[in-house]
Amino acid sequence: MSTFHVPDMSCGHCTKAIEKAIAEADSAASVECDLATHMVKINSTLTAAALAAALNGAGYPAVLAV
């Protein structure tokens, strides 16, 4: 599981766009978005770099959380 800080995620539209972007990259991935903390947890077989690229491509710059 990879966790990202996505500071630009602020509403339901943002979470839908993020979920769509990850689904396009990995249809089997599961995504949990927390608007209060701006954190996104992704369970996927893709690397963290690939997931970050998908998020960035959707317009949501993300930083891998430790």
PDB file of N, CA and C in Angstrom:
ATOM      1  N   MET A   1       0.844  -1.178   0.000  1.00  0.00           N
ATOM      2  CA  MET A   1       0.000   0.000   0.000  1.00  0.00           C
ATOM      3  C   MET A   1       0.886   1.237   0.000  1.00  0.00           C
ATOM      4  N   SER A   2       0.509   2.209  -0.801  1.00  0.00           N
ATOM      5  CA  SER A   2       1.217   3.481  -0.873  1.00  0.00           C
ATOM      6  C   SER A   2       0.287   4.578  -0.367  1.00  0.00           C
ATOM      7  N   THR A   3       0.852   5.506   0.382  1.00  0.00           N
ATOM      8  CA  THR A   3       0.087   6.638   0.897  1.00  0.00           C
ATOM      9  C   THR A   3       0.719   7.927   0.393  1.00  0.00           C
ATOM     10  N   PHE A   4      -0.131   8.797  -0.122  1.00  0.00           N
ATOM     11  CA  PHE A   4       0.340  10.052  -0.695  1.00  0.00           C
ATOM     12  C   PHE A   4      -0.338  11.241  -0.028  1.00  0.00           C
ATOM     13  N   HIS A   5       0.409  12.333   0.107  1.00  0.00           N
ATOM     14  CA  HIS A   5      -0.165  13.611   0.529  1.00  0.00           C
ATOM     15  C   HIS A   5      -0.495  14.365  -0.756  1.00  0.00           C
ATOM     16  N   VAL A   6      -1.763  14.745  -0.899  1.00  0.00           N
ATOM     17  CA  VAL A   6      -2.239  15.433  -2.100  1.00  0.00           C
ATOM     18  C   VAL A   6      -2.858  16.755  -1.651  1.00  0.00           C
ATOM     19  N   PRO A   7      -2.032  17.801  -1.522  1.00  0.00           N
ATOM     20  CA  PRO A   7      -2.532  19.065  -0.952  1.00  0.00           C
ATOM     21  C   PRO A   7      -3.634  19.730  -1.756  1.00  0.00           C
ATOM     22  N   ASP A   8      -3.699  19.478  -3.069  1.00  0.00           N
ATOM     23  CA  ASP A   8      -4.721  20.128  -3.903  1.00  0.00           C
ATOM     24  C   ASP A   8      -6.065  19.407  -3.890  1.00  0.00           C
ATOM     25  N   MET A   9      -6.177  18.288  -3.190  1.00  0.00           N
ATOM     26  CA  MET A   9      -7.442  17.547  -3.107  1.00  0.00           C
ATOM     27  C   MET A   9      -8.324  18.225  -2.057  1.00  0.00           C
ATOM     28  N   SER A  10      -9.470  18.769  -2.506  1.00  0.00           N
ATOM     29  CA  SER A  10     -10.272  19.542  -1.564  1.00  0.00           C
ATOM     30  C   SER A  10     -11.775  19.256  -1.595  1.00  0.00           C
ATOM     31  N   CYS A  11     -12.228  18.381  -2.527  1.00  0.00           N
ATOM     32  CA  CYS A  11     -13.669  18.166  -2.628  1.00  0.00           C
ATOM     33  C   CYS A  11     -13.972  16.802  -3.233  1.00  0.00           C
ATOM     34  N   GLY A  12     -15.230  16.497  -3.326  1.00  0.00           N
ATOM     35  CA  GLY A  12     -15.656  15.229  -3.898  1.00  0.00           C
ATOM     36  C   GLY A  12     -15.271  15.076  -5.358  1.00  0.00           C
ATOM     37  N   HIS A  13     -15.278  16.185  -6.096  1.00  0.00           N
ATOM     38  CA  HIS A  13     -14.855  16.125  -7.498  1.00  0.00           C
ATOM     39  C   HIS A  13     -13.392  15.690  -7.573  1.00  0.00           C
ATOM     40  N   CYS A  14     -12.572  16.207  -6.673  1.00  0.00           N
ATOM     41  CA  CYS A  14     -11.152  15.840  -6.640  1.00  0.00           C
ATOM     42  C   CYS A  14     -10.994  14.341  -6.381  1.00  0.00           C
ATOM     43  N   THR A  15     -11.735  13.826  -5.408  1.00  0.00           N
ATOM     44  CA  THR A  15     -11.589  12.405  -5.087  1.00  0.00           C
ATOM     45  C   THR A  15     -12.023  11.534  -6.261  1.00  0.00           C
ATOM     46  N   LYS A  16     -13.083  11.932  -6.954  1.00  0.00           N
ATOM     47  CA  LYS A  16     -13.538  11.166  -8.124  1.00  0.00           C
ATOM     48  C   LYS A  16     -12.477  11.181  -9.222  1.00  0.00           C
ATOM     49  N   ALA A  17     -11.852  12.331  -9.454  1.00  0.00           N
ATOM     50  CA  ALA A  17     -10.814  12.437 -10.477  1.00  0.00           C
ATOM     51  C   ALA A  17      -9.608  11.576 -10.116  1.00  0.00           C
ATOM     52  N   ILE A  18      -9.258  11.560  -8.838  1.00  0.00           N
ATOM     53  CA  ILE A  18      -8.135  10.743  -8.372  1.00  0.00           C
ATOM     54  C   ILE A  18      -8.469   9.262  -8.519  1.00  0.00           C
ATOM     55  N   GLU A  19      -9.656   8.876  -8.095  1.00  0.00           N
ATOM     56  CA  GLU A  19     -10.066   7.471  -8.217  1.00  0.00           C
ATOM     57  C   GLU A  19     -10.067   7.038  -9.679  1.00  0.00           C
ATOM     58  N   LYS A  20     -10.538   7.905 -10.573  1.00  0.00           N
ATOM     59  CA  LYS A  20     -10.578   7.585 -11.998  1.00  0.00           C
ATOM     60  C   LYS A  20      -9.168   7.423 -12.561  1.00  0.00           C
ATOM     61  N   ALA A  21      -8.272   8.320 -12.195  1.00  0.00           N
ATOM     62  CA  ALA A  21      -6.904   8.267 -12.702  1.00  0.00           C
ATOM     63  C   ALA A  21      -6.203   6.986 -12.269  1.00  0.00           C
ATOM     64  N   ILE A  22      -6.410   6.597 -11.018  1.00  0.00           N
ATOM     65  CA  ILE A  22      -5.774   5.367 -10.528  1.00  0.00           C
ATOM     66  C   ILE A  22      -6.413   4.148 -11.195  1.00  0.00           C
ATOM     67  N   ALA A  23      -7.718   4.158 -11.362  1.00  0.00           N
ATOM     68  CA  ALA A  23      -8.406   3.033 -12.021  1.00  0.00           C
ATOM     69  C   ALA A  23      -7.934   2.857 -13.460  1.00  0.00           C
ATOM     70  N   GLU A  24      -7.650   3.970 -14.134  1.00  0.00           N
ATOM     71  CA  GLU A  24      -7.151   3.879 -15.504  1.00  0.00           C
ATOM     72  C   GLU A  24      -5.751   3.269 -15.539  1.00  0.00           C
ATOM     73  N   ALA A  25      -4.962   3.526 -14.504  1.00  0.00           N
ATOM     74  CA  ALA A  25      -3.603   2.977 -14.433  1.00  0.00           C
ATOM     75  C   ALA A  25      -3.614   1.530 -13.957  1.00  0.00           C
ATOM     76  N   ASP A  26      -4.521   1.208 -13.030  1.00  0.00           N
ATOM     77  CA  ASP A  26      -4.623  -0.149 -12.468  1.00  0.00           C
ATOM     78  C   ASP A  26      -6.073  -0.386 -12.075  1.00  0.00           C
ATOM     79  N   SER A  27      -6.785  -1.105 -12.912  1.00  0.00           N
ATOM     80  CA  SER A  27      -8.223  -1.321 -12.676  1.00  0.00           C
ATOM     81  C   SER A  27      -8.500  -2.131 -11.413  1.00  0.00           C
ATOM     82  N   ALA A  28      -7.512  -2.844 -10.905  1.00  0.00           N
ATOM     83  CA  ALA A  28      -7.711  -3.650  -9.699  1.00  0.00           C
ATOM     84  C   ALA A  28      -7.334  -2.903  -8.423  1.00  0.00           C
ATOM     85  N   ALA A  29      -6.857  -1.686  -8.543  1.00  0.00           N
ATOM     86  CA  ALA A  29      -6.414  -0.921  -7.366  1.00  0.00           C
ATOM     87  C   ALA A  29      -7.598  -0.489  -6.509  1.00  0.00           C
ATOM     88  N   SER A  30      -7.338  -0.352  -5.212  1.00  0.00           N
ATOM     89  CA  SER A  30      -8.334   0.241  -4.318  1.00  0.00           C
ATOM     90  C   SER A  30      -7.773   1.570  -3.821  1.00  0.00           C
ATOM     91  N   VAL A  31      -8.671   2.551  -3.714  1.00  0.00           N
ATOM     92  CA  VAL A  31      -8.264   3.910  -3.362  1.00  0.00           C
ATOM     93  C   VAL A  31      -9.108   4.408  -2.204  1.00  0.00           C
ATOM     94  N   GLU A  32      -8.450   4.982  -1.198  1.00  0.00           N
ATOM     95  CA  GLU A  32      -9.146   5.619  -0.076  1.00  0.00           C
ATOM     96  C   GLU A  32      -8.665   7.058   0.009  1.00  0.00           C
ATOM     97  N   CYS A  33      -9.584   8.006  -0.124  1.00  0.00           N
ATOM     98  CA  CYS A  33      -9.249   9.423  -0.049  1.00  0.00           C
ATOM     99  C   CYS A  33      -9.773  10.001   1.261  1.00  0.00           C
ATOM    100  N   ASP A  34      -8.933  10.758   1.949  1.00  0.00           N
ATOM    101  CA  ASP A  34      -9.326  11.438   3.185  1.00  0.00           C
ATOM    102  C   ASP A  34      -9.178  12.941   2.954  1.00  0.00           C
ATOM    103  N   LEU A  35     -10.298  13.616   2.718  1.00  0.00           N
ATOM    104  CA  LEU A  35     -10.265  15.044   2.437  1.00  0.00           C
ATOM    105  C   LEU A  35      -9.744  15.868   3.605  1.00  0.00           C
ATOM    106  N   ALA A  36     -10.017  15.452   4.819  1.00  0.00           N
ATOM    107  CA  ALA A  36      -9.611  16.220   5.999  1.00  0.00           C
ATOM    108  C   ALA A  36      -8.094  16.313   6.114  1.00  0.00           C
ATOM    109  N   THR A  37      -7.408  15.241   5.768  1.00  0.00           N
ATOM    110  CA  THR A  37      -5.950  15.215   5.900  1.00  0.00           C
ATOM    111  C   THR A  37      -5.228  15.336   4.559  1.00  0.00           C
ATOM    112  N   HIS A  38      -5.995  15.341   3.471  1.00  0.00           N
ATOM    113  CA  HIS A  38      -5.445  15.394   2.114  1.00  0.00           C
ATOM    114  C   HIS A  38      -4.543  14.185   1.833  1.00  0.00           C
ATOM    115  N   MET A  39      -4.910  13.041   2.381  1.00  0.00           N
ATOM    116  CA  MET A  39      -4.138  11.824   2.189  1.00  0.00           C
ATOM    117  C   MET A  39      -4.916  10.844   1.309  1.00  0.00           C
ATOM    118  N   VAL A  40      -4.170  10.129   0.463  1.00  0.00           N
ATOM    119  CA  VAL A  40      -4.751   9.117  -0.413  1.00  0.00           C
ATOM    120  C   VAL A  40      -3.975   7.821  -0.205  1.00  0.00           C
ATOM    121  N   LYS A  41      -4.692   6.756   0.155  1.00  0.00           N
ATOM    122  CA  LYS A  41      -4.094   5.438   0.313  1.00  0.00           C
ATOM    123  C   LYS A  41      -4.479   4.607  -0.898  1.00  0.00           C
ATOM    124  N   ILE A  42      -3.479   3.993  -1.509  1.00  0.00           N
ATOM    125  CA  ILE A  42      -3.716   3.208  -2.725  1.00  0.00           C
ATOM    126  C   ILE A  42      -3.107   1.826  -2.559  1.00  0.00           C
ATOM    127  N   ASN A  43      -3.931   0.818  -2.748  1.00  0.00           N
ATOM    128  CA  ASN A  43      -3.461  -0.557  -2.741  1.00  0.00           C
ATOM    129  C   ASN A  43      -3.414  -1.003  -4.193  1.00  0.00           C
ATOM    130  N   SER A  44      -2.198  -1.209  -4.707  1.00  0.00           N
ATOM    131  CA  SER A  44      -2.012  -1.495  -6.119  1.00  0.00           C
ATOM    132  C   SER A  44      -0.740  -2.300  -6.326  1.00  0.00           C
ATOM    133  N   THR A  45      -0.667  -2.977  -7.456  1.00  0.00           N
ATOM    134  CA  THR A  45       0.561  -3.683  -7.822  1.00  0.00           C
ATOM    135  C   THR A  45       1.552  -2.746  -8.507  1.00  0.00           C
ATOM    136  N   LEU A  46       1.117  -1.535  -8.840  1.00  0.00           N
ATOM    137  CA  LEU A  46       2.004  -0.558  -9.465  1.00  0.00           C
ATOM    138  C   LEU A  46       2.976   0.018  -8.442  1.00  0.00           C
ATOM    139  N   THR A  47       4.097   0.510  -8.922  1.00  0.00           N
ATOM    140  CA  THR A  47       5.073   1.144  -8.044  1.00  0.00           C
ATOM    141  C   THR A  47       4.532   2.491  -7.555  1.00  0.00           C
ATOM    142  N   ALA A  48       5.108   2.973  -6.471  1.00  0.00           N
ATOM    143  CA  ALA A  48       4.713   4.282  -5.960  1.00  0.00           C
ATOM    144  C   ALA A  48       4.978   5.363  -7.004  1.00  0.00           C
ATOM    145  N   ALA A  49       6.068   5.230  -7.748  1.00  0.00           N
ATOM    146  CA  ALA A  49       6.385   6.214  -8.787  1.00  0.00           C
ATOM    147  C   ALA A  49       5.316   6.221  -9.881  1.00  0.00           C
ATOM    148  N   ALA A  50       4.837   5.047 -10.267  1.00  0.00           N
ATOM    149  CA  ALA A  50       3.793   4.966 -11.290  1.00  0.00           C
ATOM    150  C   ALA A  50       2.487   5.563 -10.785  1.00  0.00           C
ATOM    151  N   LEU A  51       2.178   5.326  -9.521  1.00  0.00           N
ATOM    152  CA  LEU A  51       0.957   5.895  -8.936  1.00  0.00           C
ATOM    153  C   LEU A  51       1.067   7.415  -8.843  1.00  0.00           C
ATOM    154  N   ALA A  52       2.228   7.903  -8.426  1.00  0.00           N
ATOM    155  CA  ALA A  52       2.445   9.353  -8.350  1.00  0.00           C
ATOM    156  C   ALA A  52       2.321   9.977  -9.733  1.00  0.00           C
ATOM    157  N   ALA A  53       2.830   9.294 -10.744  1.00  0.00           N
ATOM    158  CA  ALA A  53       2.721   9.805 -12.113  1.00  0.00           C
ATOM    159  C   ALA A  53       1.264   9.880 -12.548  1.00  0.00           C
ATOM    160  N   ALA A  54       0.468   8.889 -12.178  1.00  0.00           N
ATOM    161  CA  ALA A  54      -0.960   8.905 -12.514  1.00  0.00           C
ATOM    162  C   ALA A  54      -1.660  10.068 -11.819  1.00  0.00           C
ATOM    163  N   LEU A  55      -1.327  10.298 -10.563  1.00  0.00           N
ATOM    164  CA  LEU A  55      -1.923  11.411  -9.825  1.00  0.00           C
ATOM    165  C   LEU A  55      -1.502  12.744 -10.438  1.00  0.00           C
ATOM    166  N   ASN A  56      -0.217  12.878 -10.737  1.00  0.00           N
ATOM    167  CA  ASN A  56       0.272  14.120 -11.350  1.00  0.00           C
ATOM    168  C   ASN A  56      -0.383  14.343 -12.702  1.00  0.00           C
ATOM    169  N   GLY A  57      -0.552  13.268 -13.474  1.00  0.00           N
ATOM    170  CA  GLY A  57      -1.188  13.376 -14.786  1.00  0.00           C
ATOM    171  C   GLY A  57      -2.625  13.845 -14.703  1.00  0.00           C
ATOM    172  N   ALA A  58      -3.269  13.543 -13.590  1.00  0.00           N
ATOM    173  CA  ALA A  58      -4.662  13.963 -13.383  1.00  0.00           C
ATOM    174  C   ALA A  58      -4.748  15.384 -12.832  1.00  0.00           C
ATOM    175  N   GLY A  59      -3.590  16.005 -12.594  1.00  0.00           N
ATOM    176  CA  GLY A  59      -3.579  17.382 -12.093  1.00  0.00           C
ATOM    177  C   GLY A  59      -3.502  17.480 -10.583  1.00  0.00           C
ATOM    178  N   TYR A  60      -3.111  16.390  -9.931  1.00  0.00           N
ATOM    179  CA  TYR A  60      -3.017  16.383  -8.472  1.00  0.00           C
ATOM    180  C   TYR A  60      -1.614  15.959  -8.045  1.00  0.00           C
ATOM    181  N   PRO A  61      -0.699  16.934  -7.973  1.00  0.00           N
ATOM    182  CA  PRO A  61       0.664  16.624  -7.536  1.00  0.00           C
ATOM    183  C   PRO A  61       0.620  15.941  -6.169  1.00  0.00           C
ATOM    184  N   ALA A  62       1.376  14.866  -6.059  1.00  0.00           N
ATOM    185  CA  ALA A  62       1.339  14.057  -4.833  1.00  0.00           C
ATOM    186  C   ALA A  62       2.747  13.796  -4.323  1.00  0.00           C
ATOM    187  N   VAL A  63       2.865  13.727  -2.998  1.00  0.00           N
ATOM    188  CA  VAL A  63       4.134  13.414  -2.348  1.00  0.00           C
ATOM    189  C   VAL A  63       3.926  12.120  -1.572  1.00  0.00           C
ATOM    190  N   LEU A  64       4.817  11.175  -1.792  1.00  0.00           N
ATOM    191  CA  LEU A  64       4.736   9.901  -1.075  1.00  0.00           C
ATOM    192  C   LEU A  64       4.939  10.152   0.403  1.00  0.00           C
ATOM    193  N   ALA A  65       3.994   9.690   1.214  1.00  0.00           N
ATOM    194  CA  ALA A  65       4.088   9.841   2.665  1.00  0.00           C
ATOM    195  C   ALA A  65       4.867   8.663   3.227  1.00  0.00           C
ATOM    196  N   VAL A  66       5.611   8.933   4.263  1.00  0.00           N
ATOM    197  CA  VAL A  66       6.424   7.855   4.866  1.00  0.00           C
ATOM    198  C   VAL A  66       5.690   7.210   6.003  1.00  0.00           C
TER     199      VAL A  66
END
